[in-house]
Amino acid sequence: MKNFNLTPLWKPQLSLLQKMILLTSSLILITILLMGYYYHQQYSQYVEQHMGNRALSVAQSVAMIPELRSAFNEHSPEEIIQPIAEDIREEVGAQFIVVGNTDSIRYSHPIEERIGQKMVGGDNDPALLHGESYVSQAEGSLGLSIRGKVPVLSDEGAVIGVVSVGFLEDEVQVTAQEYISDTWILLAMITFGGLAGSVLISYHVKRSIHGLEPAEIGRMFEEKEAILQSIHEGIIAVNEQGTVTMINQTAMEYLSDKKNQKDVIGAPIQEIIKNTGLIEVLATGRAHFNKELWLQDHHLVVNRVPIKSQNKVLGAVSTFRNKTEIMELSRELSKVREYAEGLRAQTHEFSNKLYTISGLLQLGKVPEAIELIDQESKTQQGWLHFFIENVTDSMVSAVLLGKMNRAHELGITFSVDKYSQLSSVLTDKQREALITILGNLIENACESLLENDKKNRLIHVSFTDLGEEIVFEIEDSGPGFPLL
């Protein structure tokens, strides 16, 4: 026989809205039920106590009636006592008023057939033996009741009988329910209002978090932290009071006097960065872009943006990056652009030569095509050989070759002194500076020669590293700078 797994494959998942409504509604219902139970018990005890005190008060009044006390000396006391007791019982609404002698023999009872019989309940002794007045609860001939017991005293003060005034427990509970019913109605109205409020609050909370679920909020928080810590730029956020609420690891690296984020989060921004502009952003609500800032020994470029909601400034965020890194990146881009420009010019130049060779071949001028190929090959091989032999740094050679092709493309005669040489090994900073300077100078020379006739477009380059200095001389036939 096969065993079947009855465990459900799918368990319903409650949304945050449903959970909030369910939990708040449950809390309200439990609270209201506990309050209702408490008030029910309190009202029941109060009604029982009130009815007991009322029964005792009526019994005391009955026991003090002179006609009733004197009737105990008559031959048939019940003939006098019964009418008095019944009139009072009907007037006060008690279930019974029973008067008995010292042997607990009834002289009055709501049911006349029981007059002359012994009183039931067994709770007369304190009144008959000790002359006490008290409230008791006992099972009588009419049922469970709350009773007020008072001794009847003779003129000499001796106990000659007892008066028992009672209200049935069922009637007491009915009376209590009349009091409590209004309370339950009020509690039901409060419960309905609480449930409606629970739904409204839940919808408001859900809307304020943009309808996200807790798992989504947690995942977004983790993603935000990962993104902030992975960003190369430093980021600091403050609230409207200027207190730091967030800082990433890159920003911490610029704060050399702070050991960890716990020292920064919650501190005023003025204590972290003395000359910050975030306070001004909070005050004016205007953003700052590409501002410079010195932080410790770091030269930074800073952007500051206010955080707004419904045109109210709630905080501000500052992002910053080392200006030295930006400048290095700019130089790298310039160098790449120089390389790309040189390659483009070289490609264009060779394309023109290829088209020329193709045309000569189509015209059947094979000797002329071969001569052009040999001439171009000798020229390129000559320059390549020259730079390989005389220039140690390949980057400098590449710039010079690229600018040479650029000049030829523009119809400029570009020459290099045959005695030039650069045998020094350059550092990275020297190489970057030299490439940038050479590229700019030669490009400026090319632009200045475009106004000249094609026959008068000359650029001559010479360089040497003899001694302790590297010297480059770039001459052109352009108009030059006007003399002041």
Protein backbone atom coordinates (compact mmCIF):
# COMPACT_ATOMS: atom_id res chain seq x y z
CA MET A 1 0.00 0.00 0.00
CA LYS A 2 1.38 3.38 -0.98
CA ASN A 3 1.79 6.18 1.54
CA PHE A 4 0.52 9.53 0.29
CA ASN A 5 2.03 12.75 1.56
CA LEU A 6 -0.87 14.98 2.47
CA THR A 7 1.35 18.02 3.16
CA PRO A 8 0.17 20.86 0.92
CA LEU A 9 2.60 21.78 -1.84
CA TRP A 10 1.66 25.43 -1.66
CA LYS A 11 1.29 27.55 1.42
CA PRO A 12 -0.53 30.84 1.09
CA GLN A 13 1.67 33.83 1.75
CA LEU A 14 0.05 36.85 3.31
CA SER A 15 1.04 40.27 2.04
CA LEU A 16 2.23 42.99 4.39
CA LEU A 17 -1.14 44.75 4.09
CA GLN A 18 -3.01 41.57 5.00
CA LYS A 19 -0.66 40.86 7.91
CA MET A 20 -1.06 44.38 9.31
CA ILE A 21 -4.85 44.24 9.04
CA LEU A 22 -4.96 40.75 10.58
CA LEU A 23 -2.59 41.55 13.45
CA THR A 24 -4.06 44.93 14.36
CA SER A 25 -7.62 43.59 14.08
CA SER A 26 -6.73 40.62 16.28
CA LEU A 27 -5.15 42.92 18.83
CA ILE A 28 -8.22 45.16 18.88
CA LEU A 29 -10.61 42.20 19.19
CA ILE A 30 -8.63 40.59 22.00
CA THR A 31 -8.37 43.90 23.84
CA ILE A 32 -12.09 44.60 23.49
CA LEU A 33 -13.03 41.08 24.59
CA LEU A 34 -10.81 41.32 27.65
CA MET A 35 -12.29 44.72 28.49
CA GLY A 36 -15.80 43.34 27.99
CA TYR A 37 -15.09 40.35 30.22
CA TYR A 38 -13.60 42.61 32.88
CA TYR A 39 -16.54 45.02 32.83
CA HIS A 40 -18.97 42.08 32.80
CA GLN A 41 -17.43 40.71 35.96
CA GLN A 42 -17.26 44.11 37.57
CA TYR A 43 -20.90 44.89 36.76
CA SER A 44 -22.03 41.46 37.98
CA GLN A 45 -20.23 41.90 41.27
CA TYR A 46 -21.53 45.44 41.57
CA VAL A 47 -25.15 44.39 40.94
CA GLU A 48 -24.89 41.47 43.36
CA GLN A 49 -23.40 43.73 46.00
CA HIS A 50 -26.00 46.38 45.34
CA MET A 51 -28.88 43.90 45.53
CA GLY A 52 -27.44 42.39 48.73
CA ASN A 53 -27.19 45.83 50.33
CA ARG A 54 -30.71 46.60 49.19
CA ALA A 55 -32.03 43.34 50.64
CA LEU A 56 -30.25 44.07 53.93
CA SER A 57 -31.66 47.60 54.06
CA VAL A 58 -35.20 46.37 53.43
CA ALA A 59 -34.78 43.65 56.08
CA GLN A 60 -33.59 46.21 58.60
CA SER A 61 -36.60 48.40 57.88
CA VAL A 62 -38.99 45.47 58.23
CA ALA A 63 -37.38 44.34 61.49
CA MET A 64 -37.91 47.81 62.98
CA ILE A 65 -41.70 47.93 62.32
CA PRO A 66 -43.41 48.10 65.73
CA GLU A 67 -46.52 46.21 64.61
CA LEU A 68 -44.36 43.36 63.34
CA ARG A 69 -42.33 43.17 66.56
CA SER A 70 -45.43 43.23 68.77
CA ALA A 71 -47.08 40.52 66.63
CA PHE A 72 -44.57 37.99 67.96
CA ASN A 73 -46.48 38.13 71.29
CA GLU A 74 -49.81 37.31 69.64
CA HIS A 75 -51.40 33.87 69.44
CA SER A 76 -51.30 33.88 65.58
CA PRO A 77 -48.39 36.21 64.53
CA GLU A 78 -48.70 35.25 60.84
CA GLU A 79 -52.08 36.95 60.54
CA ILE A 80 -50.43 40.30 61.29
CA ILE A 81 -46.96 39.78 59.83
CA GLN A 82 -47.97 38.23 56.45
CA PRO A 83 -49.90 41.27 55.16
CA ILE A 84 -47.17 43.66 56.28
CA ALA A 85 -44.42 41.60 54.65
CA GLU A 86 -46.28 41.13 51.36
CA ASP A 87 -47.14 44.81 51.02
CA ILE A 88 -43.48 45.76 51.46
CA ARG A 89 -42.26 42.95 49.13
CA GLU A 90 -44.49 44.11 46.30
CA GLU A 91 -43.43 47.70 46.87
CA VAL A 92 -39.64 47.03 46.80
CA GLY A 93 -39.76 44.26 44.16
CA ALA A 94 -38.11 41.60 46.30
CA GLN A 95 -38.71 37.93 45.45
CA PHE A 96 -39.50 37.13 49.08
CA ILE A 97 -39.71 38.59 52.57
CA VAL A 98 -39.77 35.85 55.12
CA VAL A 99 -40.19 36.47 58.85
CA GLY A 100 -39.47 33.60 61.23
CA ASN A 101 -39.24 33.01 64.97
CA THR A 102 -36.23 31.77 66.89
CA ASP A 103 -36.96 28.23 65.70
CA SER A 104 -36.89 29.45 62.03
CA ILE A 105 -40.65 28.81 61.68
CA ARG A 106 -42.07 31.06 58.96
CA TYR A 107 -44.63 33.74 59.84
CA SER A 108 -44.64 35.10 56.28
CA HIS A 109 -43.86 33.81 52.81
CA PRO A 110 -44.86 34.72 49.22
CA ILE A 111 -46.46 31.28 49.02
CA GLU A 112 -48.95 31.18 51.88
CA GLU A 113 -49.00 27.35 51.99
CA ARG A 114 -45.42 27.44 53.25
CA ILE A 115 -46.22 29.61 56.26
CA GLY A 116 -45.67 27.61 59.44
CA GLN A 117 -42.92 25.53 57.82
CA LYS A 118 -39.24 25.76 58.71
CA MET A 119 -37.08 28.25 56.82
CA VAL A 120 -34.71 26.65 54.26
CA GLY A 121 -31.06 27.58 53.71
CA GLY A 122 -29.43 27.09 57.07
CA ASP A 123 -28.05 30.60 57.21
CA ASN A 124 -30.09 32.00 60.14
CA ASP A 125 -27.74 31.15 63.00
CA PRO A 126 -25.63 34.35 62.97
CA ALA A 127 -28.82 36.42 63.24
CA LEU A 128 -30.68 34.23 65.74
CA LEU A 129 -27.74 33.27 67.96
CA HIS A 130 -25.54 36.35 67.75
CA GLY A 131 -27.96 39.09 66.69
CA GLU A 132 -25.92 39.91 63.54
CA SER A 133 -27.17 41.62 60.38
CA TYR A 134 -25.54 40.33 57.18
CA VAL A 135 -25.88 39.40 53.51
CA SER A 136 -25.72 35.74 52.50
CA GLN A 137 -26.17 33.62 49.41
CA ALA A 138 -28.01 30.32 49.87
CA GLU A 139 -30.35 27.84 48.18
CA GLY A 140 -33.89 28.37 49.49
CA SER A 141 -37.29 26.97 48.63
CA LEU A 142 -37.55 29.42 45.70
CA GLY A 143 -34.03 28.78 44.44
CA LEU A 144 -30.59 30.31 44.80
CA SER A 145 -30.93 33.82 46.15
CA ILE A 146 -29.09 36.76 47.69
CA ARG A 147 -30.47 37.44 51.14
CA GLY A 148 -30.39 40.19 53.69
CA LYS A 149 -30.67 38.73 57.23
CA VAL A 150 -31.64 40.95 60.22
CA PRO A 151 -32.67 39.81 63.75
CA VAL A 152 -35.99 40.98 65.21
CA LEU A 153 -35.43 42.34 68.70
CA SER A 154 -37.88 42.75 71.56
CA ASP A 155 -38.20 45.95 73.53
CA GLU A 156 -35.70 44.48 75.98
CA GLY A 157 -33.23 43.80 73.12
CA ALA A 158 -33.60 40.04 73.02
CA VAL A 159 -33.69 38.21 69.70
CA ILE A 160 -37.23 37.03 69.09
CA GLY A 161 -37.07 36.28 65.39
CA VAL A 162 -35.39 36.94 62.03
CA VAL A 163 -36.30 38.81 58.83
CA SER A 164 -34.97 37.47 55.51
CA VAL A 165 -35.34 39.59 52.37
CA GLY A 166 -34.12 37.97 49.16
CA PHE A 167 -33.61 38.48 45.45
CA LEU A 168 -33.26 35.38 43.28
CA GLU A 169 -29.90 34.92 41.60
CA ASP A 170 -31.54 34.57 38.17
CA GLU A 171 -33.29 37.91 38.62
CA VAL A 172 -30.00 39.47 39.74
CA GLN A 173 -28.29 38.20 36.58
CA VAL A 174 -31.09 39.59 34.42
CA THR A 175 -30.67 42.95 36.13
CA ALA A 176 -26.88 42.76 35.58
CA GLN A 177 -27.41 41.96 31.89
CA GLU A 178 -29.52 45.08 31.53
CA TYR A 179 -26.60 47.13 32.79
CA ILE A 180 -24.00 45.24 30.75
CA SER A 181 -25.90 45.18 27.43
CA ASP A 182 -25.32 48.89 26.92
CA THR A 183 -21.65 48.37 27.62
CA TRP A 184 -21.39 45.58 25.06
CA ILE A 185 -23.11 47.76 22.47
CA LEU A 186 -20.56 50.52 23.14
CA LEU A 187 -17.68 48.03 22.94
CA ALA A 188 -19.05 46.68 19.66
CA MET A 189 -19.09 50.20 18.21
CA ILE A 190 -15.53 50.76 19.43
CA THR A 191 -14.51 47.44 17.87
CA PHE A 192 -16.02 48.40 14.51
CA GLY A 193 -14.28 51.77 14.61
CA GLY A 194 -11.00 50.11 15.58
CA LEU A 195 -11.22 47.63 12.71
CA ALA A 196 -11.98 50.40 10.24
CA GLY A 197 -9.07 52.41 11.61
CA SER A 198 -6.84 49.34 11.35
CA VAL A 199 -7.63 48.98 7.66
CA LEU A 200 -7.03 52.69 6.99
CA ILE A 201 -3.74 52.73 8.91
CA SER A 202 -2.57 49.59 7.12
CA TYR A 203 -3.33 51.12 3.71
CA HIS A 204 -1.55 54.33 4.73
CA VAL A 205 1.56 52.43 5.87
CA LYS A 206 1.53 50.34 2.70
CA ARG A 207 1.27 53.45 0.54
CA SER A 208 4.03 55.25 2.46
CA ILE A 209 6.47 52.42 1.64
CA HIS A 210 5.42 52.47 -2.03
CA GLY A 211 3.59 49.17 -1.83
CA LEU A 212 6.73 47.17 -1.10
CA GLU A 213 6.79 43.94 0.88
CA PRO A 214 9.26 43.41 3.79
CA ALA A 215 11.35 40.99 1.72
CA GLU A 216 11.53 43.53 -1.10
CA ILE A 217 12.52 46.30 1.32
CA GLY A 218 15.23 44.08 2.81
CA ARG A 219 16.54 43.15 -0.63
CA MET A 220 16.53 46.79 -1.76
CA PHE A 221 18.42 47.79 1.39
CA GLU A 222 21.07 45.14 0.76
CA GLU A 223 21.33 46.15 -2.90
CA LYS A 224 21.62 49.82 -1.93
CA GLU A 225 24.41 49.05 0.53
CA ALA A 226 26.25 46.95 -2.05
CA ILE A 227 25.91 49.66 -4.70
CA LEU A 228 27.00 52.46 -2.36
CA GLN A 229 30.04 50.54 -1.19
CA SER A 230 31.05 49.58 -4.73
CA ILE A 231 30.80 53.11 -6.16
CA HIS A 232 34.25 54.64 -6.72
CA GLU A 233 32.99 58.08 -5.72
CA GLY A 234 32.70 59.10 -2.07
CA ILE A 235 29.12 59.65 -0.86
CA ILE A 236 27.87 61.34 2.33
CA ALA A 237 24.19 61.95 3.14
CA VAL A 238 22.79 64.16 5.91
CA ASN A 239 19.30 64.80 7.25
CA GLU A 240 17.63 68.19 7.59
CA GLN A 241 19.46 68.83 10.90
CA GLY A 242 22.84 68.29 9.24
CA THR A 243 23.48 64.92 10.91
CA VAL A 244 25.29 62.27 8.88
CA THR A 245 22.92 59.41 8.00
CA MET A 246 25.00 57.51 5.44
CA ILE A 247 28.61 57.31 4.29
CA ASN A 248 30.25 54.78 1.98
CA GLN A 249 33.67 53.17 2.22
CA THR A 250 35.24 55.42 -0.43
CA ALA A 251 34.31 58.51 1.56
CA MET A 252 35.71 56.90 4.72
CA GLU A 253 39.09 56.57 3.00
CA TYR A 254 39.29 60.35 2.72
CA LEU A 255 38.58 60.77 6.45
CA SER A 256 41.89 59.57 7.80
CA ASP A 257 41.07 60.63 11.39
CA LYS A 258 37.97 58.37 11.53
CA LYS A 259 38.40 54.64 12.18
CA ASN A 260 34.96 53.30 11.27
CA GLN A 261 31.51 54.34 10.16
CA LYS A 262 30.13 54.22 13.71
CA ASP A 263 32.24 57.29 14.51
CA VAL A 264 30.66 59.18 11.61
CA ILE A 265 27.00 58.07 11.45
CA GLY A 266 24.94 60.33 13.73
CA ALA A 267 27.62 63.02 14.04
CA PRO A 268 27.09 66.62 12.78
CA ILE A 269 28.58 67.09 9.33
CA GLN A 270 30.52 70.17 10.54
CA GLU A 271 32.51 67.92 12.86
CA ILE A 272 33.40 65.58 10.01
CA ILE A 273 34.11 68.13 7.27
CA LYS A 274 34.89 71.61 8.56
CA ASN A 275 34.39 73.50 5.30
CA THR A 276 31.43 71.53 3.97
CA GLY A 277 28.84 73.20 1.78
CA LEU A 278 26.02 70.83 2.73
CA ILE A 279 24.71 73.24 5.37
CA GLU A 280 24.27 75.88 2.68
CA VAL A 281 22.46 73.36 0.48
CA LEU A 282 20.09 72.53 3.36
CA ALA A 283 19.44 76.22 3.96
CA THR A 284 18.92 77.30 0.34
CA GLY A 285 17.75 74.09 -1.33
CA ARG A 286 20.07 74.81 -4.30
CA ALA A 287 22.49 72.21 -5.66
CA HIS A 288 26.25 72.71 -6.05
CA PHE A 289 28.04 71.13 -8.99
CA ASN A 290 31.77 70.68 -9.70
CA LYS A 291 32.94 72.56 -6.62
CA GLU A 292 36.48 72.04 -5.36
CA LEU A 293 37.25 70.98 -1.79
CA TRP A 294 40.39 70.11 0.15
CA LEU A 295 39.79 67.25 2.58
CA GLN A 296 42.84 66.22 4.57
CA ASP A 297 45.49 65.99 1.80
CA HIS A 298 43.01 65.20 -0.97
CA HIS A 299 41.97 67.69 -3.65
CA LEU A 300 38.35 66.78 -4.44
CA VAL A 301 35.68 67.75 -6.95
CA VAL A 302 32.31 67.84 -5.15
CA ASN A 303 28.64 67.77 -6.17
CA ARG A 304 25.98 68.56 -3.54
CA VAL A 305 22.27 67.92 -4.17
CA PRO A 306 19.31 68.54 -1.81
CA ILE A 307 16.81 65.77 -1.02
CA LYS A 308 13.29 67.19 -1.42
CA SER A 309 9.76 65.97 -0.85
CA GLN A 310 6.83 68.21 -1.74
CA ASN A 311 9.23 71.19 -2.05
CA LYS A 312 10.54 70.61 1.49
CA VAL A 313 14.24 69.93 2.01
CA LEU A 314 14.61 66.68 3.95
CA GLY A 315 18.38 66.35 3.65
CA ALA A 316 21.25 66.52 1.20
CA VAL A 317 23.75 64.21 -0.52
CA SER A 318 27.34 65.02 -1.39
CA THR A 319 29.38 63.04 -3.92
CA PHE A 320 33.06 63.70 -4.46
CA ARG A 321 36.05 62.31 -6.32
CA ASN A 322 39.76 62.92 -6.22
CA LYS A 323 40.61 65.63 -8.72
CA THR A 324 44.01 64.05 -9.35
CA GLU A 325 42.28 60.88 -10.55
CA ILE A 326 40.05 62.94 -12.84
CA MET A 327 43.06 64.74 -14.31
CA GLU A 328 44.87 61.45 -14.83
CA LEU A 329 41.83 60.04 -16.56
CA SER A 330 41.62 63.15 -18.73
CA ARG A 331 45.26 62.76 -19.72
CA GLU A 332 44.69 59.10 -20.54
CA LEU A 333 41.76 60.05 -22.74
CA SER A 334 43.83 62.72 -24.46
CA LYS A 335 46.56 60.20 -25.11
CA VAL A 336 44.10 57.68 -26.50
CA ARG A 337 42.62 60.41 -28.68
CA GLU A 338 46.09 61.23 -29.98
CA TYR A 339 46.68 57.58 -30.79
CA ALA A 340 43.31 57.28 -32.50
CA GLU A 341 43.91 60.44 -34.51
CA GLY A 342 47.31 59.18 -35.60
CA LEU A 343 45.89 55.83 -36.64
CA ARG A 344 43.05 57.52 -38.50
CA ALA A 345 45.47 59.75 -40.38
CA GLN A 346 47.71 56.82 -41.17
CA THR A 347 44.77 54.74 -42.36
CA HIS A 348 43.56 57.60 -44.54
CA GLU A 349 47.03 58.11 -46.00
CA PHE A 350 47.44 54.42 -46.86
CA SER A 351 43.95 54.32 -48.31
CA ASN A 352 44.88 57.11 -50.72
CA LYS A 353 48.05 55.25 -51.70
CA LEU A 354 46.10 52.02 -52.23
CA TYR A 355 43.58 53.79 -54.43
CA THR A 356 46.44 55.30 -56.45
CA ILE A 357 48.08 51.89 -56.89
CA SER A 358 44.73 50.37 -57.86
CA GLY A 359 44.22 53.09 -60.48
CA LEU A 360 47.67 52.58 -61.95
CA LEU A 361 47.09 48.83 -62.22
CA GLN A 362 43.72 49.38 -63.91
CA LEU A 363 45.41 51.70 -66.41
CA GLY A 364 48.01 49.05 -67.10
CA LYS A 365 50.80 51.17 -65.58
CA VAL A 366 52.36 48.26 -63.74
CA PRO A 367 55.93 49.70 -63.62
CA GLU A 368 54.64 52.97 -62.17
CA ALA A 369 52.59 51.05 -59.57
CA ILE A 370 55.61 48.99 -58.57
CA GLU A 371 57.73 52.14 -58.35
CA LEU A 372 55.14 53.82 -56.09
CA ILE A 373 54.98 50.74 -53.85
CA ASP A 374 58.76 50.60 -53.60
CA GLN A 375 58.97 54.33 -52.88
CA GLU A 376 56.27 54.18 -50.16
CA SER A 377 57.78 51.06 -48.65
CA LYS A 378 61.20 52.64 -48.51
CA THR A 379 59.77 55.79 -46.94
CA GLN A 380 57.81 53.92 -44.23
CA GLN A 381 60.60 51.44 -43.60
CA GLY A 382 63.03 54.32 -43.39
CA TRP A 383 61.02 56.10 -40.73
CA LEU A 384 60.30 52.91 -38.83
CA HIS A 385 63.97 52.00 -38.87
CA PHE A 386 64.90 55.53 -37.77
CA PHE A 387 62.56 55.51 -34.80
CA ILE A 388 63.51 51.99 -33.77
CA GLU A 389 67.20 52.90 -33.85
CA ASN A 390 67.01 56.36 -32.27
CA VAL A 391 63.93 56.40 -29.96
CA THR A 392 63.81 53.97 -27.04
CA ASP A 393 60.24 54.73 -25.96
CA SER A 394 57.70 53.20 -28.35
CA MET A 395 54.90 55.54 -27.20
CA VAL A 396 56.87 58.60 -28.28
CA SER A 397 57.66 56.89 -31.60
CA ALA A 398 53.96 56.16 -32.11
CA VAL A 399 52.97 59.80 -31.50
CA LEU A 400 55.59 61.10 -33.90
CA LEU A 401 54.58 58.59 -36.61
CA GLY A 402 50.92 59.43 -36.12
CA LYS A 403 51.53 63.16 -36.37
CA MET A 404 53.73 62.60 -39.40
CA ASN A 405 50.88 60.82 -41.19
CA ARG A 406 48.49 63.53 -40.02
CA ALA A 407 50.77 66.18 -41.54
CA HIS A 408 51.06 64.30 -44.85
CA GLU A 409 47.28 64.05 -44.99
CA LEU A 410 47.03 67.83 -44.64
CA GLY A 411 49.66 68.40 -47.32
CA ILE A 412 52.36 69.41 -44.84
CA THR A 413 55.98 68.40 -45.22
CA PHE A 414 57.02 66.77 -41.95
CA SER A 415 60.71 66.15 -41.32
CA VAL A 416 62.74 64.87 -38.41
CA ASP A 417 66.39 65.77 -37.87
CA LYS A 418 68.48 62.71 -38.76
CA TYR A 419 70.73 63.27 -35.73
CA SER A 420 67.83 63.22 -33.27
CA GLN A 421 67.83 60.58 -30.57
CA LEU A 422 65.99 59.68 -27.37
CA SER A 423 67.70 56.80 -25.57
CA SER A 424 66.58 57.63 -22.01
CA VAL A 425 64.13 55.31 -20.28
CA LEU A 426 61.09 57.43 -19.37
CA THR A 427 58.97 57.06 -16.26
CA ASP A 428 55.19 56.87 -16.58
CA LYS A 429 54.76 60.53 -15.59
CA GLN A 430 57.51 61.67 -17.98
CA ARG A 431 56.00 59.64 -20.82
CA GLU A 432 52.48 61.03 -20.24
CA ALA A 433 53.72 64.61 -20.03
CA LEU A 434 55.94 64.28 -23.11
CA ILE A 435 53.24 62.66 -25.24
CA THR A 436 50.71 65.34 -24.27
CA ILE A 437 53.14 68.19 -25.01
CA LEU A 438 54.32 66.75 -28.34
CA GLY A 439 50.79 66.02 -29.51
CA ASN A 440 49.57 69.55 -28.67
CA LEU A 441 52.58 71.35 -30.17
CA ILE A 442 52.55 69.43 -33.44
CA GLU A 443 48.76 69.70 -33.75
CA ASN A 444 48.94 73.47 -33.16
CA ALA A 445 51.65 73.71 -35.81
CA CYS A 446 49.49 71.78 -38.29
CA GLU A 447 46.52 74.07 -37.67
CA SER A 448 48.62 77.20 -38.08
CA LEU A 449 49.97 76.00 -41.45
CA LEU A 450 46.54 75.47 -43.00
CA GLU A 451 46.43 79.18 -43.88
CA ASN A 452 49.70 78.92 -45.89
CA ASP A 453 50.07 77.80 -49.47
CA LYS A 454 50.69 74.10 -49.89
CA LYS A 455 54.22 74.82 -51.03
CA ASN A 456 54.98 76.63 -47.79
CA ARG A 457 53.80 74.11 -45.22
CA LEU A 458 56.79 72.81 -43.31
CA ILE A 459 57.27 71.23 -39.89
CA HIS A 460 60.67 70.22 -38.63
CA VAL A 461 61.24 68.23 -35.42
CA SER A 462 64.49 67.59 -33.62
CA PHE A 463 65.17 66.12 -30.20
CA THR A 464 67.99 64.97 -27.98
CA ASP A 465 68.58 63.68 -24.47
CA LEU A 466 72.27 64.46 -24.17
CA GLY A 467 73.07 65.64 -20.70
CA GLU A 468 70.46 65.62 -17.92
CA GLU A 469 67.61 67.13 -19.97
CA ILE A 470 65.32 65.98 -22.76
CA VAL A 471 65.02 68.67 -25.43
CA PHE A 472 62.48 68.75 -28.28
CA GLU A 473 62.46 71.52 -30.91
CA ILE A 474 59.44 71.89 -33.18
CA GLU A 475 59.63 74.45 -35.99
CA ASP A 476 57.00 75.36 -38.52
CA SER A 477 56.62 77.85 -41.36
CA GLY A 478 53.43 79.31 -39.95
CA PRO A 479 52.79 82.99 -39.08
CA GLY A 480 53.88 82.49 -35.45
CA PHE A 481 52.85 84.70 -32.53
CA PRO A 482 52.55 88.48 -33.04
CA LEU A 483 55.23 90.50 -31.26
CA LEU A 484 54.03 92.87 -28.56
